[in-house]
Protein backbone atom coordinates (compact mmCIF):
# COMPACT_ATOMS: atom_id res chain seq x y z
CA MET A 1 16.78 34.75 64.88
CA PHE A 2 19.39 34.59 62.20
CA ASP A 3 23.02 35.57 61.78
CA LEU A 4 24.26 36.99 58.42
CA TYR A 5 27.78 36.43 57.11
CA MET A 6 29.03 38.34 54.05
CA GLU A 7 31.99 37.34 51.95
CA THR A 8 33.24 37.52 48.32
CA VAL A 9 33.73 34.03 46.84
CA GLU A 10 35.20 33.68 43.34
CA GLY A 11 34.29 37.26 42.50
CA GLN A 12 30.68 37.05 43.69
CA THR A 13 29.26 38.61 46.84
CA HIS A 14 27.68 35.90 49.03
CA VAL A 15 25.46 36.50 52.05
CA ALA A 16 24.60 33.42 54.12
CA ALA A 17 21.72 33.35 56.63
CA ILE A 18 22.41 30.91 59.46
CA GLY A 19 19.67 29.96 61.91
CA GLN A 20 20.70 30.60 65.52
CA LYS A 21 18.68 27.56 66.70
CA SER A 22 19.29 25.20 63.79
CA HIS A 23 22.92 26.28 63.18
CA ARG A 24 22.21 25.46 59.56
CA LEU A 25 22.36 27.39 56.32
CA GLU A 26 18.79 28.72 55.94
CA ASP A 27 19.29 30.90 52.91
CA ILE A 28 22.04 32.20 50.59
CA PHE A 29 22.08 35.39 48.49
CA LEU A 30 24.62 36.12 45.80
CA ASP A 31 25.06 38.70 43.04
CA TYR A 32 25.64 37.95 39.46
CA PRO A 33 29.35 38.07 38.46
CA ARG A 34 30.40 41.43 37.16
CA GLY A 35 29.50 41.96 33.50
CA TYR A 36 27.25 38.91 33.26
CA ALA A 37 23.99 39.16 31.31
CA PHE A 38 24.20 42.86 30.57
CA ASN A 39 20.93 42.49 28.69
CA THR A 40 19.08 40.73 31.48
CA PRO A 41 17.04 42.91 33.86
CA LYS A 42 17.42 42.00 37.48
CA TRP A 43 14.68 41.19 39.95
CA ALA A 44 12.82 44.26 41.42
CA GLU A 45 14.68 46.70 39.20
CA ILE A 46 12.50 49.62 38.08
CA PHE A 47 12.73 50.95 34.51
CA TYR A 48 11.23 53.89 32.70
CA GLY A 49 10.54 52.12 29.44
CA ARG A 50 8.70 52.48 26.17
CA VAL A 51 6.15 50.06 24.73
CA THR A 52 7.39 48.76 21.42
CA GLN A 53 4.64 46.23 20.58
CA VAL A 54 1.25 45.25 21.79
CA ASP A 55 0.38 41.58 21.16
CA THR A 56 -3.35 40.98 21.54
CA ARG A 57 -3.02 37.27 20.90
CA LEU A 58 -0.72 36.79 23.91
CA ASN A 59 -2.41 39.69 25.77
CA VAL A 60 1.02 41.23 26.56
CA ALA A 61 3.01 44.30 25.70
CA PHE A 62 6.77 44.26 24.91
CA VAL A 63 8.71 47.09 26.54
CA ASP A 64 12.11 48.56 25.59
CA LEU A 65 14.08 48.97 28.81
CA GLY A 66 17.15 50.57 27.23
CA ASN A 67 20.69 49.27 26.55
CA GLY A 68 19.24 46.37 24.54
CA LYS A 69 17.12 45.11 27.39
CA GLN A 70 13.51 44.01 26.80
CA GLY A 71 10.72 42.80 28.98
CA MET A 72 7.19 41.39 28.69
CA LEU A 73 4.28 43.09 30.43
CA PRO A 74 1.16 40.81 30.73
CA ALA A 75 -2.22 42.51 30.96
CA LYS A 76 -2.81 40.97 34.39
CA HIS A 77 0.24 42.80 35.73
CA VAL A 78 -0.89 46.22 34.55
CA TYR A 79 -2.19 48.09 37.60
CA LYS A 80 -5.86 49.02 37.14
CA PRO A 81 -7.43 50.92 40.08
CA ASP A 82 -10.92 49.72 39.15
CA GLY A 83 -9.84 46.32 38.00
CA SER A 84 -12.32 46.31 35.14
CA LEU A 85 -10.15 46.02 32.04
CA ASN A 86 -8.05 43.03 31.20
CA ASP A 87 -7.34 43.56 27.52
CA ILE A 88 -3.82 44.78 26.83
CA SER A 89 -4.87 46.79 23.80
CA PHE A 90 -6.99 49.03 26.08
CA LEU A 91 -4.36 49.32 28.86
CA VAL A 92 -1.21 50.45 27.03
CA GLY A 93 -0.36 51.66 23.56
CA THR A 94 2.68 51.40 21.31
CA GLY A 95 5.12 54.22 21.96
CA GLU A 96 3.77 54.84 25.49
CA TRP A 97 6.28 55.54 28.27
CA LEU A 98 5.66 53.93 31.63
CA PHE A 99 7.31 52.77 34.87
CA VAL A 100 7.72 49.00 35.06
CA GLN A 101 9.31 46.75 37.62
CA VAL A 102 10.89 43.30 37.09
CA LYS A 103 8.57 40.77 38.70
CA ALA A 104 10.59 37.72 37.57
CA GLU A 105 13.97 37.65 35.85
CA GLY A 106 14.19 36.23 32.35
CA HIS A 107 16.22 33.21 31.28
CA ASP A 108 19.00 34.23 28.94
CA THR A 109 20.49 31.40 26.90
CA GLU A 110 22.33 31.01 23.64
CA ASP A 111 19.51 28.79 22.40
CA GLU A 112 16.75 31.19 21.43
CA SER A 113 14.09 28.47 21.92
CA PHE A 114 14.75 28.42 25.64
CA LYS A 115 15.14 32.19 26.12
CA LYS A 116 12.54 33.89 28.28
CA LEU A 117 12.07 37.60 28.67
CA ALA A 118 11.77 39.20 32.10
CA ARG A 119 8.18 39.51 33.29
CA LEU A 120 7.27 43.08 34.18
CA THR A 121 4.58 44.72 36.31
CA THR A 122 3.37 48.34 36.71
CA LYS A 123 2.48 47.57 40.36
CA LEU A 124 5.58 49.16 41.76
CA HIS A 125 6.99 48.34 45.19
CA ILE A 126 10.18 49.66 46.86
CA PRO A 127 10.97 47.37 49.76
CA GLY A 128 12.54 48.25 53.11
CA ARG A 129 12.80 46.17 56.29
CA THR A 130 9.22 46.39 57.59
CA LEU A 131 7.53 48.46 54.90
CA LEU A 132 6.99 48.45 51.19
CA TYR A 133 6.22 51.68 49.52
CA SER A 134 4.01 51.62 46.43
CA PRO A 135 4.01 54.93 44.57
CA ASN A 136 1.06 54.10 42.37
CA VAL A 137 -1.04 51.59 44.33
CA VAL A 138 -2.98 53.67 46.82
CA GLY A 139 -4.02 52.18 50.14
CA ILE A 140 -2.80 50.53 53.32
CA PHE A 141 -2.17 46.78 53.21
CA SER A 142 -0.64 44.49 55.79
CA SER A 143 0.43 41.00 56.72
CA HIS A 144 -2.29 38.90 58.22
CA TRP A 145 -0.06 38.83 61.34
CA VAL A 146 -0.77 42.56 61.85
CA ASN A 147 -4.10 43.16 63.57
CA GLU A 148 -6.59 45.87 62.54
CA ASP A 149 -5.72 48.29 65.38
CA GLN A 150 -1.96 48.05 64.52
CA GLU A 151 -2.65 48.51 60.83
CA SER A 152 -4.83 51.55 61.47
CA TYR A 153 -2.33 53.20 63.83
CA ILE A 154 0.73 52.61 61.65
CA GLY A 155 -1.19 53.47 58.47
CA GLN A 156 -2.36 56.79 59.93
CA GLN A 157 1.26 57.72 60.77
CA LEU A 158 2.46 56.86 57.27
CA THR A 159 -0.30 58.56 55.35
CA SER A 160 -0.21 61.73 57.42
CA ARG A 161 3.50 62.12 56.62
CA HIS A 162 3.39 60.77 53.05
CA PRO A 163 -0.17 61.07 51.68
CA LYS A 164 0.73 59.97 48.13
CA GLY A 165 1.02 56.28 47.23
CA GLY A 166 0.37 53.23 49.38
CA TRP A 167 2.05 51.05 51.95
CA VAL A 168 2.42 47.39 52.78
CA ILE A 169 3.00 46.87 56.51
CA ARG A 170 4.98 43.76 57.42
CA GLN A 171 4.66 41.77 60.62
CA MET A 172 7.64 43.31 62.49
CA ALA A 173 6.46 46.88 61.97
CA ALA A 174 4.24 46.65 65.03
CA ASP A 175 7.30 46.05 67.23
CA ILE A 176 9.46 48.90 65.79
CA GLU A 177 9.62 52.32 67.45
CA SER A 178 7.76 55.01 65.61
CA ASP A 179 10.79 57.17 64.87
CA ILE A 180 12.63 54.21 63.30
CA LEU A 181 9.53 53.37 61.22
CA ILE A 182 9.20 56.91 59.99
CA CYS A 183 12.89 56.98 59.11
CA GLU A 184 12.37 53.91 56.95
CA ALA A 185 9.33 55.46 55.27
CA ASP A 186 11.19 58.69 54.51
CA SER A 187 14.05 56.72 52.91
CA LEU A 188 11.66 54.71 50.72
CA VAL A 189 9.89 57.82 49.49
CA SER A 190 13.26 59.56 48.86
CA GLU A 191 14.36 56.66 46.69
CA TRP A 192 11.17 56.95 44.59
CA GLU A 193 11.77 60.71 44.20
CA GLU A 194 15.28 60.01 42.91
CA ALA A 195 13.79 57.48 40.50
CA LYS A 196 11.38 59.99 39.13
CA GLU A 197 14.20 62.47 38.47
CA LYS A 198 16.08 59.79 36.50
CA ALA A 199 12.97 59.08 34.54
CA LYS A 200 12.67 62.80 33.57
CA HIS A 201 16.21 62.69 32.18
CA ALA A 202 15.54 59.43 30.36
CA HIS A 203 12.43 60.85 28.71
CA ALA A 204 14.21 64.05 27.76
CA ALA A 205 17.00 62.07 26.13
CA ASP A 206 14.47 59.76 24.49
CA THR A 207 16.37 56.84 25.99
CA PRO A 208 14.66 54.25 28.18
CA GLY A 209 16.66 53.06 31.17
CA SER A 210 16.89 51.84 34.71
CA VAL A 211 15.77 54.34 37.36
CA TRP A 212 16.05 52.16 40.46
CA ARG A 213 18.58 49.37 40.37
CA GLY A 214 16.88 47.02 42.81
CA PRO A 215 18.42 45.30 45.78
CA ASP A 216 21.78 43.49 45.53
CA ALA A 217 22.70 40.39 47.55
CA ILE A 218 23.33 42.29 50.83
CA GLU A 219 20.19 44.33 50.57
CA ARG A 220 18.06 41.31 49.64
CA ALA A 221 19.34 39.47 52.68
CA PHE A 222 18.39 42.43 54.86
CA ILE A 223 14.99 42.84 53.26
CA ASP A 224 14.07 39.21 53.64
CA TYR A 225 15.58 38.51 57.10
CA ALA A 226 15.83 41.74 59.04
CA ARG A 227 12.14 41.63 59.84
CA ARG A 228 12.53 38.10 61.22
CA GLY A 229 15.21 39.10 63.72
CA LEU A 230 18.97 39.40 63.18
CA GLY A 231 21.65 38.63 65.77
CA HIS A 232 25.26 38.87 64.45
CA ILE A 233 25.98 40.56 61.10
CA GLU A 234 29.60 40.07 60.03
CA THR A 235 31.50 41.02 56.88
CA MET A 236 34.93 40.11 55.61
CA THR A 237 35.71 43.40 53.86
CA GLN A 238 35.47 47.12 54.63
CA LYS A 239 33.47 47.60 51.42
CA HIS A 240 30.77 45.17 52.56
CA LEU A 241 30.78 46.72 56.03
CA GLU A 242 30.14 50.15 54.63
CA GLN A 243 27.50 48.86 52.23
CA ALA A 244 25.60 47.02 54.98
CA LYS A 245 25.77 50.01 57.34
CA ALA A 246 24.56 52.41 54.57
CA TRP A 247 21.43 50.25 54.10
CA ALA A 248 20.85 49.94 57.83
CA VAL A 249 21.21 53.72 58.39
CA LYS A 250 18.44 54.31 55.88
CA PHE A 251 15.97 51.53 56.79
CA ALA A 252 16.95 49.96 60.14
CA PRO A 253 19.14 52.27 62.34
CA ASP A 254 18.81 49.85 65.24
CA LEU A 255 20.80 47.24 63.29
CA VAL A 256 23.86 49.42 62.78
CA PRO A 257 25.58 48.43 66.10
CA LYS A 258 25.22 44.74 65.15
CA ILE A 259 27.21 45.09 61.94
CA THR A 260 30.95 44.31 62.45
CA ILE A 261 33.92 43.31 60.41
CA ALA A 262 35.45 39.90 61.09
CA GLN A 263 38.67 39.76 63.13
CA PHE A 264 41.09 36.84 62.83
CA SER A 265 44.31 36.52 64.81
CA PRO A 266 47.52 35.00 63.38
CA GLN A 267 46.90 31.92 65.49
CA ASP A 268 43.49 31.22 63.93
CA ARG A 269 43.41 28.19 61.67
CA VAL A 270 40.74 29.75 59.45
CA LYS A 271 40.95 33.13 57.75
CA SER A 272 37.41 33.60 56.45
CA LEU A 273 33.87 33.73 57.77
CA PHE A 274 32.66 30.95 55.40
CA GLU A 275 35.44 28.63 56.59
CA ALA A 276 34.89 29.52 60.27
CA HIS A 277 31.18 28.66 60.06
CA ASP A 278 31.54 25.81 57.64
CA ILE A 279 29.47 27.52 55.01
CA HIS A 280 31.62 26.30 52.15
CA SER A 281 30.71 22.73 53.07
CA ALA A 282 27.01 23.63 53.29
CA LEU A 283 27.16 25.16 49.84
CA GLN A 284 28.89 22.07 48.49
CA GLU A 285 26.14 19.87 49.83
CA LEU A 286 23.62 21.86 47.79
CA HIS A 287 25.35 20.47 44.68
CA GLU A 288 24.37 16.95 45.64
CA LYS A 289 21.25 15.19 44.35
CA VAL A 290 20.86 13.07 47.43
CA VAL A 291 20.15 14.81 50.80
CA PRO A 292 20.18 12.67 53.97
CA LEU A 293 17.46 12.88 56.61
CA PRO A 294 17.95 12.50 60.40
CA SER A 295 16.20 9.11 60.60
CA GLY A 296 18.42 7.56 57.91
CA GLY A 297 16.17 8.20 54.89
CA ASN A 298 16.89 10.68 52.17
CA ILE A 299 15.42 12.88 49.47
CA VAL A 300 16.62 12.84 45.86
CA ILE A 301 16.32 16.10 43.92
CA GLU A 302 16.14 16.27 40.13
CA ARG A 303 15.62 19.47 38.20
CA THR A 304 14.13 19.14 34.69
CA GLU A 305 13.09 21.76 32.13
CA ALA A 306 9.39 21.42 33.21
CA CYS A 307 9.64 21.08 36.97
CA VAL A 308 11.64 20.01 39.99
CA VAL A 309 11.05 16.39 41.03
CA ILE A 310 11.85 15.16 44.56
CA ASP A 311 11.67 11.58 45.68
CA VAL A 312 11.47 10.66 49.39
CA ASN A 313 13.00 7.42 50.59
CA ALA A 314 12.80 5.73 54.04
CA VAL A 315 15.31 3.31 55.57
CA TYR A 316 14.74 2.72 59.24
CA ALA A 317 11.95 5.04 60.36
CA ASP A 318 8.26 4.64 59.52
CA ALA A 319 6.60 6.49 56.67
CA PHE A 320 5.07 9.28 58.75
CA GLN A 321 8.31 10.20 60.56
CA THR A 322 10.29 10.20 57.31
CA ASN A 323 7.70 12.28 55.49
CA MET A 324 7.64 14.86 58.29
CA GLU A 325 11.44 15.14 58.25
CA ALA A 326 11.32 15.41 54.46
CA ALA A 327 8.76 18.25 54.64
CA GLU A 328 11.15 20.42 56.63
CA GLU A 329 14.16 19.55 54.52
CA ILE A 330 12.42 19.97 51.20
CA MET A 331 11.24 23.43 52.00
CA ARG A 332 14.69 24.39 53.14
CA GLN A 333 16.30 23.01 49.96
CA LEU A 334 13.84 24.86 47.77
CA ARG A 335 14.58 28.10 49.61
CA VAL A 336 18.35 27.75 49.64
CA ARG A 337 18.69 26.40 46.07
CA ASN A 338 16.13 29.00 44.95
CA PHE A 339 14.10 26.61 42.80
CA SER A 340 10.93 28.00 41.34
CA GLY A 341 7.95 26.99 39.26
CA ILE A 342 6.38 23.54 39.66
CA ILE A 343 7.75 21.19 42.30
CA VAL A 344 6.46 17.62 42.65
CA CYS A 345 7.43 15.56 45.70
CA ASP A 346 6.89 11.79 45.66
CA MET A 347 6.14 11.16 49.36
CA ILE A 348 5.98 7.76 51.09
CA GLY A 349 2.49 6.27 51.16
CA MET A 350 0.36 6.69 54.30
CA ALA A 351 -3.14 5.35 54.78
CA SER A 352 -4.14 7.63 57.63
CA LYS A 353 -6.04 10.76 56.58
CA THR A 354 -4.99 12.45 59.81
CA GLN A 355 -1.32 11.91 59.02
CA ARG A 356 -1.86 13.21 55.49
CA HIS A 357 -3.35 16.40 56.84
CA GLN A 358 -0.46 16.74 59.32
CA LEU A 359 2.01 16.39 56.45
CA ILE A 360 0.31 19.14 54.43
CA ASP A 361 0.37 21.36 57.54
CA ALA A 362 4.10 20.64 57.98
CA PHE A 363 4.85 21.76 54.40
CA GLU A 364 2.81 24.99 54.96
CA LEU A 365 4.46 25.68 58.29
CA ASN A 366 8.01 25.28 56.88
CA GLY A 367 7.17 27.45 53.89
CA ARG A 368 5.43 30.21 55.86
CA PHE A 369 8.36 32.63 55.99
CA ASP A 370 9.81 31.88 52.56
CA PRO A 371 10.05 35.25 50.74
CA ALA A 372 9.17 33.53 47.40
CA ASP A 373 5.76 32.65 48.74
CA PRO A 374 5.48 28.87 48.01
CA GLN A 375 1.97 27.48 47.56
CA ILE A 376 1.20 24.03 48.89
CA HIS A 377 -1.50 22.51 46.64
CA GLY A 378 -1.93 19.29 48.53
CA LEU A 379 -1.48 15.55 48.09
CA THR A 380 -2.74 13.52 45.19
CA ARG A 381 -4.00 9.94 45.52
CA LEU A 382 -0.57 8.83 44.38
CA MET A 383 1.01 10.64 47.39
CA LEU A 384 2.47 13.38 45.23
CA MET A 385 2.85 16.67 47.05
CA GLU A 386 2.29 19.53 44.56
CA ILE A 387 3.98 22.84 45.24
CA THR A 388 4.58 26.05 43.23
CA ARG A 389 7.11 28.73 44.14
CA ARG A 390 7.43 32.22 42.59
CA ARG A 391 10.45 32.89 40.41
CA ARG A 392 12.30 36.06 41.38
CA SER A 393 15.86 35.51 40.28
CA ALA A 394 18.01 32.66 38.86
CA SER A 395 18.53 29.52 40.89
CA LEU A 396 21.67 29.12 43.00
CA ARG A 397 23.08 26.54 40.61
CA ASP A 398 22.57 28.85 37.59
CA LYS A 399 24.25 31.76 39.29
CA HIS A 400 27.30 29.66 40.26
CA SER A 401 27.55 27.98 36.85
CA LEU A 402 27.88 31.41 35.22
CA ILE A 403 31.45 31.74 36.34
CA SER A 404 32.87 28.35 37.22
CA GLY A 405 30.34 25.65 36.50
CA SER A 406 30.46 24.60 40.15
CA PHE A 407 29.72 25.60 43.69
CA PRO A 408 32.34 27.26 45.89
CA GLY A 409 34.39 24.65 47.59
CA ASN A 410 35.03 22.67 44.39
CA ARG A 411 38.66 23.69 44.30
C-alpha cells in the first residue's frame, strides 16, 4: 500500500508515493515547468502526424508532429499484425498520415550533437488503472499474475461491450468489481473517440498535432500506483483535488472517497504536506552521490553520458549482507531518480554461487513492480551487476535543473 501526496514546488506539480510499511519515498512524479521544451513531445502523448522522410539506412521514418515537433519511428515499432515485414520502406511512405505515440521522450539540448528525437510507436495504448486500451492492436493480453480463467472472464466482458481494439489486463483487475472495471473501459474508449475526432480536424486543416496529451504527474502516479493499492491521497490545493477526483471518477470511482485536501491548523508548525512528511529532505538526499546503507556501508552513484555507474562499499557487515541491502536501495534509487538506459553496479565480491544467485533474485524482486520494467542481466565474473531500464521521461535531476539547477529544499 502507498500514500500519495500532491503539492506544487517551485512552479512544478510534484506527486510523492510513500510506502505505508517502509515510510520512505518510493517514487516521485513531476511535470515539466510551464513553457519548457515546447518542441519536445511528452511520454505517452499521441499525435496524428505526417511522415516527412524515410531513411532506409537507419530503418526509421521521421514524423512531423506539428508545432515544430518531430519524432523518429523505427521499423520495429511499427505495428504489423502478421509481423512479417521489418523494412521501413515497405511499412510507411513519405507524406503518409498516421497515429503515433511517444514511447520515449527525446533529449533536447542546445548542443545538436547530444540532441535526441523522441522515439515513436504505432502500437497505441491508452492507460487506465487496471486496463490499457489499444485501439489498433487486437487481442486480450494480461499480466502473468492474472490466471487464464480470470483473463478469459474479464476479456469476454470487455470484448462484448467494446469489440474493436484490444486490451491489456493488469494484475489488480481480477479484484475489481465488474461495474467499476466496465466504467474504466468505457472511459478509455471514450478518450480514443475524442482523439479520433481531433485527428479528423488536424487532417482537414493539413496540420499535424497532438490528439491525446498523455498523463501528467498526477495521472502518472495514479496509473503506476493505484493498481498496487492506495491508502491516503492528499492534495495541497483545490485545483489538484479536482484534478485527482476527475481522474478517479473516470477510471477508479472507488478511490474518490480517499482523495482529500490537507488541513492545517494555526498551531501546526508545518504548513505543507511535503514538510509534514519530510519529503523535501527525501528529495534533497536524491541529490547526493553517496547513499548510506543500514549496515554502515554505502553506494556511490555516478551518471555519465553512456551509463549510470554504482559502486557498493562495505564497512562493518559482510559482503553478502551489504550486497543484499544494496540491491534494495539501488532499485529504489533508480526508480525515484528515474535513471534509464545502461546501469552497471560494482558489487562486493562473493565466492559462493548460492549467494550470487540470491543477489540476482533480490535485484529482480525489488524491480518487479517498477513501471519502467528494469531488466536484470546478471553478474559478470568481475561482480558487475548489469541492468537496463526503459526510458520514458527525463530523469528527476534533469526535470529539476530545468528551472533552478537544484532539487527542492536547496533554498
